[in-house]
Amino acid sequence: MAAVDCDMPMEPEPQILSEEEMEREAEGFKEQGNAFYIKKDYSEAFNYYTRAIDTCPKNASYYGNRAATLMMLSRYREALEDSQQAVRLDDCFMKGHLREGKCHLSLGNSRAASRCFQKVLELEPVNTQAQKEDRNAKAVLEYEKMAEFGFEKRDFRKVVFCMDRALEIAPACHRFKILKAECLALLGRYPEAQSVASDILRMESTNGDALYVRGLCLYYEDCIDKAVQFFVQALRMAPDHEKARLACRNAKALKAKKEEGNKAFKEGNYDEAYKLYSEALTIDPNNIKTNAKLYCNRGTVGSKLKKLEQAIEDCSSAVKLDETYIKAYLRRAQCYMDTEQYEEAVRDYEKVYQTEKTKEHKHLLKTAQLELKKSKRKDYYKVLGVGKNATEDEIKKAYRKRALMHHPDRHSAATTEVQKEEEKKFKEVGEAFTVLSDPKKKSRYDSGHDLEDDGMNAGDFDANNIFKAFFGGPGGFSFETNSSSAPGNFFFQFG
C-alpha cells in the first residue's frame, strides 16, 4: 500500500521578543501589579510583579515593588530578600534601602535596620521616614537591653512589658515572642504563653524555641510526661538548646523524686517521705504548681509526724504558690483544728466552701464554726484540769483537788488581789463541776449549746453550797463562816 502524504499541524515557533519589547511587557505587568496593589489585592499584585521580574530580572524597582507587596502580606523574610536584591541591583535605590530596613526592623534585627536607615539618610539627609524608623530601631534596641536586664533579675513582668513594646514595632520577631512566652510561663500565665508558642509553630513547626516553651508550660502545669515529649522534640530540632536540655533533666528528676516520696508515704515511712519531698522542692523553684503539691504532701507527712506547726507552714507555702489549691486549704484547716486554732480553721473552710459548695465541705465548715463557738465559752474541762473524755470519778477527783486549792480560806493571809483572784477561780471550779457532773448539762455543753439558753448563768452558781454539798457528808469536810472575818473567808473543820 502506497504511503499517503498528510499535512501535520505545526506548533508555532515561540516569538522572540526584542529587549525593548520585553521591557515594555515587563512594564505592563508592573502597571497591572500597581493597580492591584492600590486595590489592596496584594496576592494578585504579587503575581504580576513576579511576572515582571521573570520578564526583566535586572530591574531593581520590580523587586522593590514585590518587596512592598510581601510586606503587606506580612511575609517579611521574603520581602527582605527582594529588597536586598533591589539594592544589589541599584545601590542608590533609596526605597530599596528603606524597605530593607523596615523588614529588618519587623523581624527584630534593629542594628541591621539602623544601618539601612543610615544609608537612606546618606542619600537623602532630610528623609523624615528614615529618621522616624531609625528612632524606632533604637527604641527596640533599648527595649531589648531592658528585657535582658529584667530577665537576669527575674523581673519577668518587666520583660513581658518590654517585649510587648518592642513587638509593636517589630511584629514579626519570633525571638521577642519566644522571650515573652517564656516569661509568661514563668509568671504562671500558661494559656497566654501557649497561645504565643502555638502561633509560631503554625508558621514554623520545627521552631525549637517554640517547642521548648510549649513543653515549659506543660511542665509548670504538672503535666510532666507530655512536657518531656516537647523537650525531646525541641532537642531534636535544636540539639544545642541548653534550656530544653536543663528543663528535660529537671522534669525527669522532679517526677522521680516525687514518686519516691509518694511510695514512702504509702508504705508508712513518713520520715523518708518527708526527706524525699524536701529534696524534690530543691530541684526547680520555678515550678510553682508541682512545688505547691510537694509542700502540701510534706504538710500531710508533717501532720502524720505530729509536726503540726510545720505542717501548717508547708500548707501556707502551698497556697501562697497556688491560691486555688483546695487540698492545701483543707489540710491546713485540719491542722488548725488539731491545734485548736478555730478562727483560722473557719477561715480556710469558708474559702473552700466558697469555691466548692459540697455537702462534705459544708459539714467541715459547720463543725469548725461550732468548735469556734465552743472555744469562746469557758472551757470547763480546762478549769478542772481534765480531758474531754474524763469519767465521772475523774471529774469528782479534779473538783476536790481544785476546790481545795482555790478555797478562799486557804488564801486568807494573801493580798486582797490574790484573794479576789482565788475566789473567782473557786467559783469557776464550782460552776464547772455543776455542769460536768450533771449528764444532761454535760451533754448539752459538749454539743455546743449555750447553757444560758436553758436559763442558766454564772450568777446562779453558789460555790459555797456546791462545796458544802460535796464535802459536807460523813467523814468529809465541813466549814463555818467566821463572823469576825470578812465575807467569803472560811476555815476548815474535819467531820
Protein backbone atom coordinates (compact mmCIF):
# COMPACT_ATOMS: atom_id res chain seq x y z
CA MET A 1 0.00 0.00 0.00
CA ALA A 2 1.37 3.32 -1.03
CA ALA A 3 2.30 5.81 1.66
CA VAL A 4 -0.04 8.70 1.95
CA ASP A 5 1.37 12.15 2.46
CA CYS A 6 -0.55 14.22 5.00
CA ASP A 7 -0.05 17.66 6.37
CA MET A 8 0.65 17.59 10.17
CA PRO A 9 -0.22 20.74 12.14
CA MET A 10 2.97 22.52 13.11
CA GLU A 11 3.37 24.22 16.51
CA PRO A 12 4.08 27.91 16.08
CA GLU A 13 7.61 28.85 16.83
CA PRO A 14 7.94 30.91 20.04
CA GLN A 15 8.09 34.54 19.22
CA ILE A 16 11.39 36.02 20.24
CA LEU A 17 10.90 39.48 21.66
CA SER A 18 13.44 42.16 21.47
CA GLU A 19 14.90 43.60 24.65
CA GLU A 20 12.84 46.71 24.19
CA GLU A 21 9.66 44.68 23.76
CA MET A 22 10.45 42.65 26.88
CA GLU A 23 10.95 45.82 28.86
CA ARG A 24 7.66 47.11 27.58
CA GLU A 25 5.89 43.88 28.52
CA ALA A 26 7.50 43.90 32.00
CA GLU A 27 6.33 47.48 32.48
CA GLY A 28 2.82 46.34 31.58
CA PHE A 29 2.97 43.65 34.24
CA LYS A 30 4.25 46.20 36.74
CA GLU A 31 1.41 48.61 35.94
CA GLN A 32 -1.12 45.83 36.44
CA GLY A 33 0.60 44.94 39.70
CA ASN A 34 0.36 48.58 40.78
CA ALA A 35 -3.37 48.62 40.02
CA PHE A 36 -3.98 45.54 42.19
CA TYR A 37 -1.75 46.98 44.92
CA ILE A 38 -3.87 50.15 45.01
CA LYS A 39 -6.98 47.94 45.32
CA LYS A 40 -5.21 46.13 48.24
CA ASP A 41 -5.37 42.86 46.31
CA TYR A 42 -1.84 42.03 47.32
CA SER A 43 -1.87 38.41 46.13
CA GLU A 44 -2.65 39.44 42.56
CA ALA A 45 -0.19 42.32 42.78
CA PHE A 46 2.46 39.81 43.88
CA ASN A 47 1.70 37.62 40.83
CA TYR A 48 2.09 40.48 38.36
CA TYR A 49 5.26 41.82 39.97
CA THR A 50 6.66 38.27 39.77
CA ARG A 51 5.83 38.15 36.04
CA ALA A 52 7.56 41.49 35.61
CA ILE A 53 10.68 40.13 37.37
CA ASP A 54 10.61 36.95 35.29
CA THR A 55 10.42 39.06 32.14
CA CYS A 56 13.06 41.56 33.17
CA PRO A 57 15.09 40.26 36.18
CA LYS A 58 17.57 43.12 36.27
CA ASN A 59 15.13 45.86 37.22
CA ALA A 60 15.55 46.93 40.85
CA SER A 61 12.12 48.64 41.09
CA TYR A 62 10.29 45.38 40.31
CA TYR A 63 11.95 43.70 43.30
CA GLY A 64 11.22 46.78 45.36
CA ASN A 65 7.53 46.68 44.44
CA ARG A 66 7.27 42.97 45.16
CA ALA A 67 9.02 43.55 48.48
CA ALA A 68 6.40 46.19 49.37
CA THR A 69 3.63 43.72 48.48
CA LEU A 70 5.19 40.93 50.55
CA MET A 71 5.43 43.32 53.49
CA MET A 72 1.69 43.98 53.21
CA LEU A 73 1.19 40.20 53.26
CA SER A 74 3.40 40.05 56.43
CA ARG A 75 5.91 37.84 54.57
CA TYR A 76 8.85 39.83 55.87
CA ARG A 77 11.62 37.30 55.27
CA GLU A 78 10.76 37.03 51.56
CA ALA A 79 10.33 40.80 51.41
CA LEU A 80 13.81 41.19 52.92
CA GLU A 81 15.32 39.01 50.19
CA ASP A 82 13.61 41.06 47.46
CA SER A 83 14.63 44.42 48.94
CA GLN A 84 18.22 43.20 49.31
CA GLN A 85 18.21 42.09 45.67
CA ALA A 86 16.85 45.51 44.70
CA VAL A 87 19.74 47.39 46.36
CA ARG A 88 22.26 44.92 44.95
CA LEU A 89 20.99 45.89 41.51
CA ASP A 90 20.92 49.60 42.39
CA ASP A 91 22.81 50.76 45.47
CA CYS A 92 21.27 54.22 45.14
CA PHE A 93 17.71 52.82 45.21
CA MET A 94 16.53 54.71 48.28
CA LYS A 95 13.16 52.92 48.59
CA GLY A 96 15.02 49.60 48.44
CA HIS A 97 17.21 50.52 51.41
CA LEU A 98 14.19 51.86 53.30
CA ARG A 99 12.21 48.65 52.72
CA GLU A 100 15.18 46.51 53.66
CA GLY A 101 15.44 48.46 56.91
CA LYS A 102 11.72 48.05 57.62
CA CYS A 103 11.94 44.31 57.03
CA HIS A 104 14.94 44.01 59.35
CA LEU A 105 13.07 46.04 61.96
CA SER A 106 9.88 43.98 61.66
CA LEU A 107 11.99 40.85 62.15
CA GLY A 108 13.68 42.36 65.22
CA ASN A 109 17.10 43.00 63.65
CA SER A 110 17.35 46.54 64.97
CA ARG A 111 21.09 47.07 64.30
CA ALA A 112 20.81 45.93 60.68
CA ALA A 113 17.71 48.09 60.30
CA SER A 114 19.53 51.12 61.65
CA ARG A 115 22.35 50.64 59.10
CA CYS A 116 19.79 50.64 56.29
CA PHE A 117 18.12 53.80 57.54
CA GLN A 118 21.50 55.49 57.85
CA LYS A 119 22.17 54.59 54.19
CA VAL A 120 18.87 56.25 53.24
CA LEU A 121 19.87 59.36 55.17
CA GLU A 122 23.19 59.46 53.32
CA LEU A 123 21.24 59.50 50.08
CA GLU A 124 18.63 61.93 51.37
CA PRO A 125 19.55 63.58 54.71
CA VAL A 126 16.08 65.08 55.25
CA ASN A 127 14.12 61.86 54.69
CA THR A 128 11.65 62.06 57.61
CA GLN A 129 10.50 58.46 57.23
CA ALA A 130 14.06 57.15 57.59
CA GLN A 131 14.60 59.39 60.61
CA LYS A 132 11.43 58.08 62.28
CA GLU A 133 12.24 54.43 61.54
CA ASP A 134 15.79 54.90 62.83
CA ARG A 135 14.37 56.18 66.12
CA ASN A 136 12.15 53.09 66.23
CA ALA A 137 15.16 50.85 65.67
CA LYS A 138 17.00 52.49 68.57
CA ALA A 139 13.90 52.13 70.78
CA VAL A 140 13.71 48.39 70.02
CA LEU A 141 17.38 48.04 70.88
CA GLU A 142 16.74 49.79 74.20
CA TYR A 143 13.77 47.52 74.98
CA GLU A 144 15.99 44.52 74.27
CA LYS A 145 18.59 45.73 76.77
CA MET A 146 15.94 46.41 79.43
CA ALA A 147 14.42 42.96 78.89
CA GLU A 148 17.80 41.27 79.18
CA PHE A 149 18.46 43.07 82.46
CA GLY A 150 14.95 42.23 83.71
CA PHE A 151 15.38 38.54 82.90
CA GLU A 152 18.66 38.40 84.83
CA LYS A 153 16.88 39.96 87.83
CA ARG A 154 13.93 37.56 87.37
CA ASP A 155 11.63 40.54 86.84
CA PHE A 156 9.53 38.67 84.29
CA ARG A 157 6.71 41.21 84.26
CA LYS A 158 9.16 43.86 83.13
CA VAL A 159 10.41 41.56 80.36
CA VAL A 160 6.85 40.98 79.13
CA PHE A 161 6.23 44.75 79.15
CA CYS A 162 9.42 45.43 77.16
CA MET A 163 8.66 42.71 74.63
CA ASP A 164 5.12 43.98 74.14
CA ARG A 165 6.51 47.44 73.37
CA ALA A 166 9.18 46.01 71.06
CA LEU A 167 6.64 43.84 69.22
CA GLU A 168 4.55 46.91 68.43
CA ILE A 169 7.49 47.98 66.26
CA ALA A 170 8.82 44.51 65.33
CA PRO A 171 5.64 42.38 64.98
CA ALA A 172 7.30 39.51 63.10
CA CYS A 173 10.16 38.90 65.53
CA HIS A 174 9.94 35.30 66.74
CA ARG A 175 12.77 35.90 69.19
CA PHE A 176 10.78 38.58 71.03
CA LYS A 177 7.66 36.43 71.01
CA ILE A 178 9.54 33.45 72.43
CA LEU A 179 11.08 35.53 75.23
CA LYS A 180 7.66 36.95 76.06
CA ALA A 181 6.11 33.45 76.05
CA GLU A 182 8.86 32.05 78.28
CA CYS A 183 8.32 34.85 80.82
CA LEU A 184 4.56 34.38 80.69
CA ALA A 185 5.15 30.73 81.55
CA LEU A 186 7.47 31.70 84.40
CA LEU A 187 4.72 34.04 85.67
CA GLY A 188 2.20 31.18 85.62
CA ARG A 189 0.22 32.68 82.72
CA TYR A 190 0.26 29.39 80.83
CA PRO A 191 -2.66 29.87 78.38
CA GLU A 192 -1.12 33.12 77.11
CA ALA A 193 2.30 31.53 76.78
CA GLN A 194 0.84 28.51 74.97
CA SER A 195 -1.02 30.79 72.57
CA VAL A 196 2.13 32.69 71.60
CA ALA A 197 4.15 29.50 71.11
CA SER A 198 1.36 27.84 69.10
CA ASP A 199 1.14 30.84 66.76
CA ILE A 200 4.83 30.48 65.98
CA LEU A 201 4.57 26.71 65.48
CA ARG A 202 1.73 27.19 63.00
CA MET A 203 4.11 29.24 60.87
CA GLU A 204 7.25 27.26 61.67
CA SER A 205 6.52 23.77 63.01
CA THR A 206 10.20 22.96 63.65
CA ASN A 207 10.97 26.03 65.78
CA GLY A 208 12.92 24.58 68.71
CA ASP A 209 12.32 27.61 70.93
CA ALA A 210 8.55 27.41 70.49
CA LEU A 211 8.60 23.66 71.18
CA TYR A 212 10.59 24.37 74.35
CA VAL A 213 8.02 26.94 75.55
CA ARG A 214 5.14 24.51 74.88
CA GLY A 215 6.98 21.94 76.96
CA LEU A 216 7.72 24.51 79.67
CA CYS A 217 4.02 25.35 80.03
CA LEU A 218 3.08 21.68 80.36
CA TYR A 219 5.93 21.15 82.82
CA TYR A 220 4.77 24.03 85.01
CA GLU A 221 1.19 22.73 84.84
CA ASP A 222 2.47 19.43 86.28
CA CYS A 223 1.92 17.51 83.01
CA ILE A 224 5.48 16.22 83.19
CA ASP A 225 5.27 13.27 80.76
CA LYS A 226 3.85 15.45 77.96
CA ALA A 227 6.38 18.18 78.77
CA VAL A 228 9.28 15.76 78.35
CA GLN A 229 7.99 14.84 74.88
CA PHE A 230 8.13 18.50 73.79
CA PHE A 231 11.60 18.99 75.30
CA VAL A 232 12.87 15.93 73.42
CA GLN A 233 11.33 17.24 70.20
CA ALA A 234 12.92 20.65 70.76
CA LEU A 235 16.32 18.99 71.24
CA ARG A 236 15.78 17.02 68.05
CA MET A 237 15.22 20.30 66.16
CA ALA A 238 17.97 22.16 68.04
CA PRO A 239 20.47 19.74 69.67
CA ASP A 240 22.32 22.59 71.41
CA HIS A 241 19.19 24.01 73.11
CA GLU A 242 20.52 24.22 76.68
CA LYS A 243 17.28 25.44 78.23
CA ALA A 244 15.37 22.50 76.79
CA ARG A 245 18.09 20.10 77.98
CA LEU A 246 18.03 21.50 81.54
CA ALA A 247 14.21 21.55 81.68
CA CYS A 248 14.06 17.96 80.44
CA ARG A 249 16.54 16.87 83.11
CA ASN A 250 14.66 18.74 85.86
CA ALA A 251 11.31 17.34 84.75
CA LYS A 252 12.57 13.75 84.91
CA ALA A 253 14.29 14.30 88.27
CA LEU A 254 11.24 16.00 89.78
CA LYS A 255 8.90 13.26 88.68
CA ALA A 256 11.17 10.53 90.01
CA LYS A 257 11.71 12.19 93.41
CA LYS A 258 8.01 12.94 93.86
CA GLU A 259 7.07 9.35 93.04
CA GLU A 260 9.66 8.07 95.53
CA GLY A 261 8.13 10.30 98.21
CA ASN A 262 4.62 9.08 97.39
CA LYS A 263 5.78 5.46 97.61
CA ALA A 264 7.43 6.03 101.01
CA PHE A 265 4.26 7.74 102.29
CA LYS A 266 2.01 4.87 101.17
CA GLU A 267 4.33 2.43 102.93
CA GLY A 268 4.04 4.45 106.14
CA ASN A 269 7.70 5.51 106.07
CA TYR A 270 6.90 9.13 106.95
CA ASP A 271 10.41 10.27 107.86
CA GLU A 272 11.72 9.07 104.49
CA ALA A 273 8.77 10.63 102.65
CA TYR A 274 9.42 13.95 104.40
CA LYS A 275 13.07 13.81 103.33
CA LEU A 276 12.24 12.95 99.70
CA TYR A 277 9.63 15.71 99.35
CA SER A 278 12.15 18.18 100.80
CA GLU A 279 14.75 17.09 98.22
CA ALA A 280 12.21 17.42 95.40
CA LEU A 281 11.49 21.00 96.46
CA THR A 282 15.12 21.97 95.75
CA ILE A 283 15.08 20.80 92.10
CA ASP A 284 13.28 23.70 90.42
CA PRO A 285 11.94 26.71 92.38
CA ASN A 286 10.19 27.98 89.22
CA ASN A 287 7.80 25.02 89.02
CA ILE A 288 5.02 26.63 91.06
CA LYS A 289 2.27 24.05 90.61
CA THR A 290 4.37 20.98 91.31
CA ASN A 291 6.08 22.67 94.25
CA ALA A 292 2.68 23.59 95.69
CA LYS A 293 1.75 19.90 95.60
CA LEU A 294 5.09 18.96 97.16
CA TYR A 295 4.58 21.44 100.01
CA CYS A 296 1.08 20.07 100.60
CA ASN A 297 2.38 16.49 100.52
CA ARG A 298 5.10 17.39 103.01
CA GLY A 299 2.47 19.10 105.16
CA THR A 300 0.44 15.88 105.16
CA VAL A 301 3.53 13.96 106.26
CA GLY A 302 4.19 16.59 108.94
CA SER A 303 0.70 16.13 110.35
CA LYS A 304 1.29 12.36 110.48
CA LEU A 305 4.52 13.02 112.37
CA LYS A 306 2.63 15.38 114.75
CA LYS A 307 4.69 18.33 113.49
CA LEU A 308 1.53 20.37 113.20
CA GLU A 309 3.06 23.86 113.14
CA GLN A 310 5.48 22.74 110.40
CA ALA A 311 2.56 21.19 108.54
CA ILE A 312 0.64 24.49 108.74
CA GLU A 313 3.69 26.35 107.42
CA ASP A 314 4.04 23.93 104.49
CA CYS A 315 0.35 24.22 103.58
CA SER A 316 0.67 28.01 103.76
CA SER A 317 3.60 27.80 101.33
CA ALA A 318 1.42 25.68 99.03
CA VAL A 319 -1.47 28.16 98.92
CA LYS A 320 0.95 31.05 98.51
CA LEU A 321 2.18 29.37 95.32
CA ASP A 322 -1.28 28.30 94.17
CA GLU A 323 -4.23 30.21 95.65
CA THR A 324 -6.69 27.78 94.04
CA TYR A 325 -5.22 24.67 95.67
CA ILE A 326 -8.22 23.34 97.65
CA LYS A 327 -6.40 20.31 99.04
CA ALA A 328 -3.83 22.56 100.76
CA TYR A 329 -6.56 24.68 102.37
CA LEU A 330 -8.28 21.53 103.64
CA ARG A 331 -5.06 20.09 105.05
CA ARG A 332 -4.17 23.37 106.77
CA ALA A 333 -7.68 23.74 108.18
CA GLN A 334 -7.46 20.26 109.73
CA CYS A 335 -4.12 21.18 111.29
CA TYR A 336 -5.69 24.35 112.68
CA MET A 337 -8.50 22.22 114.15
CA ASP A 338 -5.96 19.84 115.71
CA THR A 339 -4.14 22.79 117.31
CA GLU A 340 -7.43 24.43 118.40
CA GLN A 341 -6.87 27.47 116.14
CA TYR A 342 -10.55 27.51 115.25
CA GLU A 343 -10.82 31.01 113.77
CA GLU A 344 -8.11 30.13 111.23
CA ALA A 345 -9.78 26.80 110.51
CA VAL A 346 -13.14 28.52 109.87
CA ARG A 347 -11.46 30.98 107.51
CA ASP A 348 -9.91 28.15 105.46
CA TYR A 349 -13.12 26.10 105.36
CA GLU A 350 -15.06 29.20 104.26
CA LYS A 351 -12.59 29.65 101.40
CA VAL A 352 -13.04 26.01 100.40
CA TYR A 353 -16.84 26.13 100.61
CA GLN A 354 -16.99 29.32 98.53
CA THR A 355 -15.02 27.52 95.82
CA GLU A 356 -16.64 24.08 96.02
CA LYS A 357 -20.07 24.02 97.66
CA THR A 358 -20.22 20.31 98.51
CA LYS A 359 -22.04 18.65 101.44
CA GLU A 360 -18.71 17.48 102.83
CA HIS A 361 -17.22 20.98 102.80
CA LYS A 362 -20.38 22.41 104.35
CA HIS A 363 -20.17 19.85 107.17
CA LEU A 364 -16.49 20.65 107.79
CA LEU A 365 -17.27 24.38 107.93
CA LYS A 366 -20.17 23.89 110.38
CA THR A 367 -18.00 21.67 112.59
CA ALA A 368 -15.27 24.31 112.70
CA GLN A 369 -17.79 27.06 113.41
CA LEU A 370 -19.22 25.00 116.29
CA GLU A 371 -15.78 24.40 117.75
CA LEU A 372 -15.03 28.12 117.44
CA LYS A 373 -18.25 28.92 119.27
CA LYS A 374 -17.43 26.39 121.98
CA SER A 375 -13.90 27.76 122.32
CA LYS A 376 -15.25 31.20 123.15
CA ARG A 377 -17.13 29.86 126.20
CA LYS A 378 -15.49 28.91 129.47
CA ASP A 379 -13.67 25.65 128.99
CA TYR A 380 -14.92 23.72 132.00
CA TYR A 381 -12.58 20.83 131.24
CA LYS A 382 -9.60 23.17 131.45
CA VAL A 383 -10.98 24.74 134.64
CA LEU A 384 -10.97 21.32 136.28
CA GLY A 385 -7.80 20.20 134.53
CA VAL A 386 -9.30 17.09 132.92
CA GLY A 387 -9.66 15.82 129.39
CA LYS A 388 -12.87 15.90 127.38
CA ASN A 389 -13.28 12.15 127.86
CA ALA A 390 -12.88 12.27 131.67
CA THR A 391 -15.01 9.83 133.69
CA GLU A 392 -17.37 10.82 136.48
CA ASP A 393 -14.83 9.75 139.11
CA GLU A 394 -12.06 11.75 137.41
CA ILE A 395 -14.29 14.83 137.37
CA LYS A 396 -15.05 14.42 141.09
CA LYS A 397 -11.38 13.96 141.98
CA ALA A 398 -10.47 17.01 139.92
CA TYR A 399 -13.13 19.10 141.62
CA ARG A 400 -11.95 18.02 145.06
CA LYS A 401 -8.38 18.98 144.22
CA ARG A 402 -9.21 22.33 142.58
CA ALA A 403 -11.83 23.35 145.13
CA LEU A 404 -9.41 22.84 147.99
CA MET A 405 -6.63 24.56 146.04
CA HIS A 406 -8.66 27.73 145.42
CA HIS A 407 -10.84 27.81 148.55
CA PRO A 408 -10.76 31.35 149.97
CA ASP A 409 -9.90 30.11 153.45
CA ARG A 410 -6.59 28.87 152.13
CA HIS A 411 -5.67 32.37 150.96
CA SER A 412 -6.99 34.44 153.86
CA ALA A 413 -3.50 35.74 154.61
CA ALA A 414 -2.83 36.73 151.00
CA THR A 415 -3.19 40.19 149.47
CA THR A 416 -6.62 41.47 148.53
CA GLU A 417 -5.87 40.97 144.83
CA VAL A 418 -4.84 37.33 145.33
CA GLN A 419 -7.92 36.70 147.49
CA LYS A 420 -10.20 38.08 144.76
CA GLU A 421 -8.47 36.02 142.06
CA GLU A 422 -8.66 32.81 144.09
CA GLU A 423 -12.29 33.43 144.98
CA LYS A 424 -13.04 33.87 141.27
CA LYS A 425 -11.30 30.57 140.46
CA PHE A 426 -13.13 28.86 143.33
CA LYS A 427 -16.45 29.94 141.81
CA GLU A 428 -15.39 28.79 138.33
CA VAL A 429 -14.42 25.37 139.71
CA GLY A 430 -17.86 25.05 141.29
CA GLU A 431 -19.55 26.18 138.07
CA ALA A 432 -17.54 23.67 136.01
CA PHE A 433 -18.32 20.83 138.41
CA THR A 434 -22.05 21.64 138.42
CA VAL A 435 -22.17 21.29 134.62
CA LEU A 436 -19.80 18.37 134.08
CA SER A 437 -21.20 16.27 136.94
CA ASP A 438 -24.73 16.51 135.50
CA PRO A 439 -25.06 14.13 132.48
CA LYS A 440 -27.76 16.23 130.81
CA LYS A 441 -25.94 19.55 131.22
CA LYS A 442 -22.65 17.96 130.22
CA SER A 443 -24.20 16.54 127.04
CA ARG A 444 -25.64 19.92 126.05
CA TYR A 445 -22.35 21.65 126.87
CA ASP A 446 -20.37 19.12 124.80
CA SER A 447 -22.72 19.56 121.83
CA GLY A 448 -22.10 23.31 121.83
CA HIS A 449 -25.39 24.53 123.26
CA ASP A 450 -25.32 27.71 125.29
CA LEU A 451 -26.40 26.80 128.80
CA GLU A 452 -27.64 30.35 129.19
CA ASP A 453 -30.31 29.45 126.63
CA ASP A 454 -31.55 26.92 129.18
CA GLY A 455 -31.93 29.63 131.81
CA MET A 456 -28.56 29.05 133.43
CA ASN A 457 -25.90 31.69 134.01
CA ALA A 458 -22.81 32.11 136.13
CA GLY A 459 -24.74 34.10 138.76
CA ASP A 460 -26.92 31.07 139.51
CA PHE A 461 -24.00 29.04 140.85
CA ASP A 462 -23.27 29.24 144.60
CA ALA A 463 -19.76 27.92 145.03
CA ASN A 464 -20.17 27.63 148.79
CA ASN A 465 -23.30 25.50 148.50
CA ILE A 466 -21.64 23.27 145.92
CA PHE A 467 -18.65 22.90 148.23
CA LYS A 468 -20.91 22.07 151.20
CA ALA A 469 -22.82 19.51 149.20
CA PHE A 470 -19.61 17.84 148.06
CA PHE A 471 -17.66 17.85 151.33
CA GLY A 472 -20.48 18.02 153.88
CA GLY A 473 -21.14 14.28 154.23
CA PRO A 474 -19.77 11.95 156.97
CA GLY A 475 -16.02 11.86 157.00
CA GLY A 476 -15.82 14.84 154.63
CA PHE A 477 -15.02 18.48 155.15
CA SER A 478 -17.35 20.92 156.85
CA PHE A 479 -16.85 24.62 157.17
CA GLU A 480 -18.26 27.52 159.11
CA THR A 481 -18.23 31.21 158.46
CA ASN A 482 -16.07 33.23 160.83
CA SER A 483 -18.41 36.07 161.80
CA SER A 484 -15.49 38.24 162.79
CA SER A 485 -13.88 37.90 159.40
CA ALA A 486 -14.78 39.48 156.13
CA PRO A 487 -17.42 37.78 153.98
CA GLY A 488 -16.06 34.89 151.94
CA ASN A 489 -13.38 33.85 154.49
CA PHE A 490 -13.72 30.28 155.72
CA PHE A 491 -11.94 27.80 157.92
CA PHE A 492 -11.93 24.03 157.53
CA GLN A 493 -13.07 21.61 160.16
CA PHE A 494 -12.80 17.89 159.84
CA GLY A 495 -16.03 15.96 160.46
